[in-house]
PDB file of N, CA and C in Angstrom:
ATOM      1  N   MET A   1     101.570  78.962  77.721  1.00  0.00           N
ATOM      2  CA  MET A   1     101.480  78.476  79.123  1.00  0.00           C
ATOM      3  C   MET A   1     100.212  77.887  79.410  1.00  0.00           C
ATOM      4  N   ALA A   2     100.142  77.129  80.505  1.00  0.00           N
ATOM      5  CA  ALA A   2      98.883  76.453  80.909  1.00  0.00           C
ATOM      6  C   ALA A   2      97.854  77.535  81.424  1.00  0.00           C
ATOM      7  N   ARG A   3      96.657  77.188  81.142  1.00  0.00           N
ATOM      8  CA  ARG A   3      95.566  78.028  81.606  1.00  0.00           C
ATOM      9  C   ARG A   3      95.429  79.444  81.061  1.00  0.00           C
ATOM     10  N   GLY A   4      95.997  79.636  79.896  1.00  0.00           N
ATOM     11  CA  GLY A   4      95.924  80.932  79.196  1.00  0.00           C
ATOM     12  C   GLY A   4      96.825  82.081  79.677  1.00  0.00           C
ATOM     13  N   LEU A   5      97.847  81.690  80.622  1.00  0.00           N
ATOM     14  CA  LEU A   5      98.687  82.681  81.079  1.00  0.00           C
ATOM     15  C   LEU A   5      99.767  82.928  80.052  1.00  0.00           C
ATOM     16  N   THR A   6      99.810  84.169  79.516  1.00  0.00           N
ATOM     17  CA  THR A   6     100.884  84.573  78.551  1.00  0.00           C
ATOM     18  C   THR A   6     102.239  84.695  79.160  1.00  0.00           C
ATOM     19  N   PRO A   7     103.381  84.533  78.437  1.00  0.00           N
ATOM     20  CA  PRO A   7     104.634  84.872  78.950  1.00  0.00           C
ATOM     21  C   PRO A   7     104.848  86.247  79.453  1.00  0.00           C
ATOM     22  N   GLU A   8     104.216  87.221  78.821  1.00  0.00           N
ATOM     23  CA  GLU A   8     104.242  88.568  79.105  1.00  0.00           C
ATOM     24  C   GLU A   8     103.580  88.845  80.484  1.00  0.00           C
ATOM     25  N   ARG A   9     102.451  88.143  80.654  1.00  0.00           N
ATOM     26  CA  ARG A   9     101.764  88.288  81.969  1.00  0.00           C
ATOM     27  C   ARG A   9     102.546  87.610  83.025  1.00  0.00           C
ATOM     28  N   ALA A  10     103.164  86.494  82.778  1.00  0.00           N
ATOM     29  CA  ALA A  10     104.012  85.749  83.769  1.00  0.00           C
ATOM     30  C   ALA A  10     105.232  86.563  84.270  1.00  0.00           C
ATOM     31  N   GLU A  11     105.722  87.410  83.440  1.00  0.00           N
ATOM     32  CA  GLU A  11     106.805  88.292  83.826  1.00  0.00           C
ATOM     33  C   GLU A  11     106.477  89.267  84.926  1.00  0.00           C
ATOM     34  N   ASN A  12     105.210  89.473  85.290  1.00  0.00           N
ATOM     35  CA  ASN A  12     104.747  90.421  86.204  1.00  0.00           C
ATOM     36  C   ASN A  12     104.669  89.826  87.626  1.00  0.00           C
ATOM     37  N   PHE A  13     104.723  88.488  87.723  1.00  0.00           N
ATOM     38  CA  PHE A  13     104.640  87.821  88.980  1.00  0.00           C
ATOM     39  C   PHE A  13     105.973  87.909  89.842  1.00  0.00           C
ATOM     40  N   PHE A  14     105.813  88.074  91.142  1.00  0.00           N
ATOM     41  CA  PHE A  14     106.898  88.085  91.998  1.00  0.00           C
ATOM     42  C   PHE A  14     106.732  87.150  93.057  1.00  0.00           C
ATOM     43  N   CYS A  15     107.711  86.246  93.358  1.00  0.00           N
ATOM     44  CA  CYS A  15     107.543  85.173  94.388  1.00  0.00           C
ATOM     45  C   CYS A  15     108.666  85.559  95.360  1.00  0.00           C
ATOM     46  N   PRO A  16     108.145  85.957  96.629  1.00  0.00           N
ATOM     47  CA  PRO A  16     109.176  86.284  97.644  1.00  0.00           C
ATOM     48  C   PRO A  16     109.707  85.025  98.226  1.00  0.00           C
ATOM     49  N   ILE A  17     111.059  84.930  98.395  1.00  0.00           N
ATOM     50  CA  ILE A  17     111.759  83.856  98.901  1.00  0.00           C
ATOM     51  C   ILE A  17     112.330  84.183 100.197  1.00  0.00           C
ATOM     52  N   SER A  18     112.246  85.308 100.832  1.00  0.00           N
ATOM     53  CA  SER A  18     112.639  85.800 101.973  1.00  0.00           C
ATOM     54  C   SER A  18     114.019  86.405 101.982  1.00  0.00           C
ATOM     55  N   GLU A  19     114.290  87.270 102.851  1.00  0.00           N
ATOM     56  CA  GLU A  19     115.618  87.970 102.950  1.00  0.00           C
ATOM     57  C   GLU A  19     116.537  87.092 103.786  1.00  0.00           C
ATOM     58  N   PRO A  20     117.844  87.087 103.420  1.00  0.00           N
ATOM     59  CA  PRO A  20     118.796  86.098 104.130  1.00  0.00           C
ATOM     60  C   PRO A  20     119.037  86.819 105.585  1.00  0.00           C
ATOM     61  N   ILE A  21     118.256  86.240 106.563  1.00  0.00           N
ATOM     62  CA  ILE A  21     118.610  86.671 107.883  1.00  0.00           C
ATOM     63  C   ILE A  21     119.291  85.546 108.706  1.00  0.00           C
ATOM     64  N   GLY A  22     119.489  84.410 108.115  1.00  0.00           N
ATOM     65  CA  GLY A  22     120.234  83.363 108.862  1.00  0.00           C
ATOM     66  C   GLY A  22     119.383  82.685 109.912  1.00  0.00           C
ATOM     67  N   SER A  23     118.166  82.411 109.694  1.00  0.00           N
ATOM     68  CA  SER A  23     117.389  81.639 110.645  1.00  0.00           C
ATOM     69  C   SER A  23     116.379  80.845 109.876  1.00  0.00           C
ATOM     70  N   ASN A  24     116.018  79.662 110.580  1.00  0.00           N
ATOM     71  CA  ASN A  24     115.149  78.785 110.005  1.00  0.00           C
ATOM     72  C   ASN A  24     113.785  78.547 110.728  1.00  0.00           C
ATOM     73  N   HIS A  25     113.542  79.421 111.806  1.00  0.00           N
ATOM     74  CA  HIS A  25     112.306  79.277 112.524  1.00  0.00           C
ATOM     75  C   HIS A  25     111.209  79.961 111.591  1.00  0.00           C
ATOM     76  N   PRO A  26     109.969  79.294 111.788  1.00  0.00           N
ATOM     77  CA  PRO A  26     108.917  79.590 110.808  1.00  0.00           C
ATOM     78  C   PRO A  26     108.543  81.168 111.027  1.00  0.00           C
ATOM     79  N   HIS A  27     108.448  81.629 112.292  1.00  0.00           N
ATOM     80  CA  HIS A  27     107.964  83.045 112.421  1.00  0.00           C
ATOM     81  C   HIS A  27     109.167  84.008 111.918  1.00  0.00           C
ATOM     82  N   GLU A  28     110.392  83.641 111.931  1.00  0.00           N
ATOM     83  CA  GLU A  28     111.487  84.434 111.414  1.00  0.00           C
ATOM     84  C   GLU A  28     111.500  84.360 109.949  1.00  0.00           C
ATOM     85  N   ILE A  29     111.197  83.294 109.318  1.00  0.00           N
ATOM     86  CA  ILE A  29     111.058  83.215 107.884  1.00  0.00           C
ATOM     87  C   ILE A  29     109.842  84.017 107.384  1.00  0.00           C
ATOM     88  N   ALA A  30     108.772  84.029 108.035  1.00  0.00           N
ATOM     89  CA  ALA A  30     107.570  84.885 107.699  1.00  0.00           C
ATOM     90  C   ALA A  30     107.980  86.257 107.851  1.00  0.00           C
ATOM     91  N   LEU A  31     108.701  86.694 108.822  1.00  0.00           N
ATOM     92  CA  LEU A  31     109.139  88.101 109.014  1.00  0.00           C
ATOM     93  C   LEU A  31     110.022  88.516 107.821  1.00  0.00           C
ATOM     94  N   SER A  32     110.941  87.667 107.513  1.00  0.00           N
ATOM     95  CA  SER A  32     111.893  87.994 106.408  1.00  0.00           C
ATOM     96  C   SER A  32     111.154  88.115 105.103  1.00  0.00           C
ATOM     97  N   ILE A  33     110.082  87.237 104.760  1.00  0.00           N
ATOM     98  CA  ILE A  33     109.304  87.413 103.568  1.00  0.00           C
ATOM     99  C   ILE A  33     108.547  88.752 103.571  1.00  0.00           C
ATOM    100  N   ALA A  34     107.944  89.087 104.684  1.00  0.00           N
ATOM    101  CA  ALA A  34     107.281  90.415 104.777  1.00  0.00           C
ATOM    102  C   ALA A  34     108.263  91.480 104.659  1.00  0.00           C
ATOM    103  N   ALA A  35     109.522  91.408 105.057  1.00  0.00           N
ATOM    104  CA  ALA A  35     110.501  92.425 104.820  1.00  0.00           C
ATOM    105  C   ALA A  35     110.840  92.589 103.419  1.00  0.00           C
ATOM    106  N   GLN A  36     110.919  91.493 102.649  1.00  0.00           N
ATOM    107  CA  GLN A  36     111.207  91.517 101.259  1.00  0.00           C
ATOM    108  C   GLN A  36     110.154  92.095 100.412  1.00  0.00           C
ATOM    109  N   LEU A  37     108.871  91.785 100.797  1.00  0.00           N
ATOM    110  CA  LEU A  37     107.738  92.517 100.126  1.00  0.00           C
ATOM    111  C   LEU A  37     107.704  93.999 100.332  1.00  0.00           C
ATOM    112  N   LEU A  38     107.892  94.372 101.612  1.00  0.00           N
ATOM    113  CA  LEU A  38     108.080  95.829 101.804  1.00  0.00           C
ATOM    114  C   LEU A  38     109.163  96.508 101.129  1.00  0.00           C
ATOM    115  N   ARG A  39     110.383  95.851 100.976  1.00  0.00           N
ATOM    116  CA  ARG A  39     111.429  96.359 100.231  1.00  0.00           C
ATOM    117  C   ARG A  39     111.050  96.619  98.744  1.00  0.00           C
ATOM    118  N   VAL A  40     110.469  95.513  98.148  1.00  0.00           N
ATOM    119  CA  VAL A  40     110.088  95.671  96.807  1.00  0.00           C
ATOM    120  C   VAL A  40     108.941  96.748  96.577  1.00  0.00           C
ATOM    121  N   ARG A  41     107.999  96.697  97.504  1.00  0.00           N
ATOM    122  CA  ARG A  41     106.990  97.774  97.371  1.00  0.00           C
ATOM    123  C   ARG A  41     107.562  99.164  97.472  1.00  0.00           C
ATOM    124  N   ASP A  42     108.488  99.276  98.377  1.00  0.00           N
ATOM    125  CA  ASP A  42     109.046 100.631  98.579  1.00  0.00           C
ATOM    126  C   ASP A  42     109.939 101.134  97.341  1.00  0.00           C
ATOM    127  N   ALA A  43     110.506 100.035  96.721  1.00  0.00           N
ATOM    128  CA  ALA A  43     111.339 100.395  95.515  1.00  0.00           C
ATOM    129  C   ALA A  43     110.486 100.815  94.377  1.00  0.00           C
ATOM    130  N   LEU A  44     109.223 100.429  94.369  1.00  0.00           N
ATOM    131  CA  LEU A  44     108.275 100.653  93.290  1.00  0.00           C
ATOM    132  C   LEU A  44     107.518 101.905  93.529  1.00  0.00           C
ATOM    133  N   THR A  45     107.464 102.424  94.758  1.00  0.00           N
ATOM    134  CA  THR A  45     106.706 103.686  95.089  1.00  0.00           C
ATOM    135  C   THR A  45     107.573 104.828  95.370  1.00  0.00           C
ATOM    136  N   PRO A  46     107.233 106.050  94.866  1.00  0.00           N
ATOM    137  CA  PRO A  46     108.089 107.140  95.200  1.00  0.00           C
ATOM    138  C   PRO A  46     108.034 107.463  96.545  1.00  0.00           C
ATOM    139  N   ALA A  47     109.270 107.974  97.133  1.00  0.00           N
ATOM    140  CA  ALA A  47     109.357 108.411  98.483  1.00  0.00           C
ATOM    141  C   ALA A  47     108.371 109.476  98.779  1.00  0.00           C
ATOM    142  N   PRO A  48     107.771 109.470 100.040  1.00  0.00           N
ATOM    143  CA  PRO A  48     106.725 110.421 100.398  1.00  0.00           C
ATOM    144  C   PRO A  48     107.360 111.792 100.563  1.00  0.00           C
ATOM    145  N   GLN A  49     106.686 112.864 100.267  1.00  0.00           N
ATOM    146  CA  GLN A  49     107.221 114.108 100.389  1.00  0.00           C
ATOM    147  C   GLN A  49     107.095 114.556 101.921  1.00  0.00           C
ATOM    148  N   THR A  50     107.984 115.171 102.458  1.00  0.00           N
ATOM    149  CA  THR A  50     107.928 115.542 103.832  1.00  0.00           C
ATOM    150  C   THR A  50     107.524 117.091 103.986  1.00  0.00           C
ATOM    151  N   LEU A  51     106.855 117.388 105.030  1.00  0.00           N
ATOM    152  CA  LEU A  51     106.457 118.796 105.255  1.00  0.00           C
ATOM    153  C   LEU A  51     107.569 119.587 105.948  1.00  0.00           C
ATOM    154  N   MET A  52     108.523 118.859 106.520  1.00  0.00           N
ATOM    155  CA  MET A  52     109.513 119.548 107.268  1.00  0.00           C
ATOM    156  C   MET A  52     110.741 119.829 106.336  1.00  0.00           C
ATOM    157  N   PRO A  53     111.275 121.018 106.335  1.00  0.00           N
ATOM    158  CA  PRO A  53     112.434 121.382 105.564  1.00  0.00           C
ATOM    159  C   PRO A  53     113.694 120.678 105.979  1.00  0.00           C
ATOM    160  N   PRO A  54     114.518 120.243 105.019  1.00  0.00           N
ATOM    161  CA  PRO A  54     115.837 119.641 105.447  1.00  0.00           C
ATOM    162  C   PRO A  54     116.668 120.459 106.350  1.00  0.00           C
ATOM    163  N   ARG A  55     117.392 119.882 107.307  1.00  0.00           N
ATOM    164  CA  ARG A  55     118.286 120.648 108.100  1.00  0.00           C
ATOM    165  C   ARG A  55     119.599 120.884 107.585  1.00  0.00           C
TER     166      ARG A  55
END
């Protein structure tokens, strides 16, 4: 690949294209991209442990 980027390294890239929220306004597209980034981040991180016992 160009500029020394290996195919293995290229597989680690993620390009958000936004969540399908049915809007085309720039601020709503930005919000949907942020939502997708948070969804991916949360899928990669273990859920935090709570100090409260389950009910």
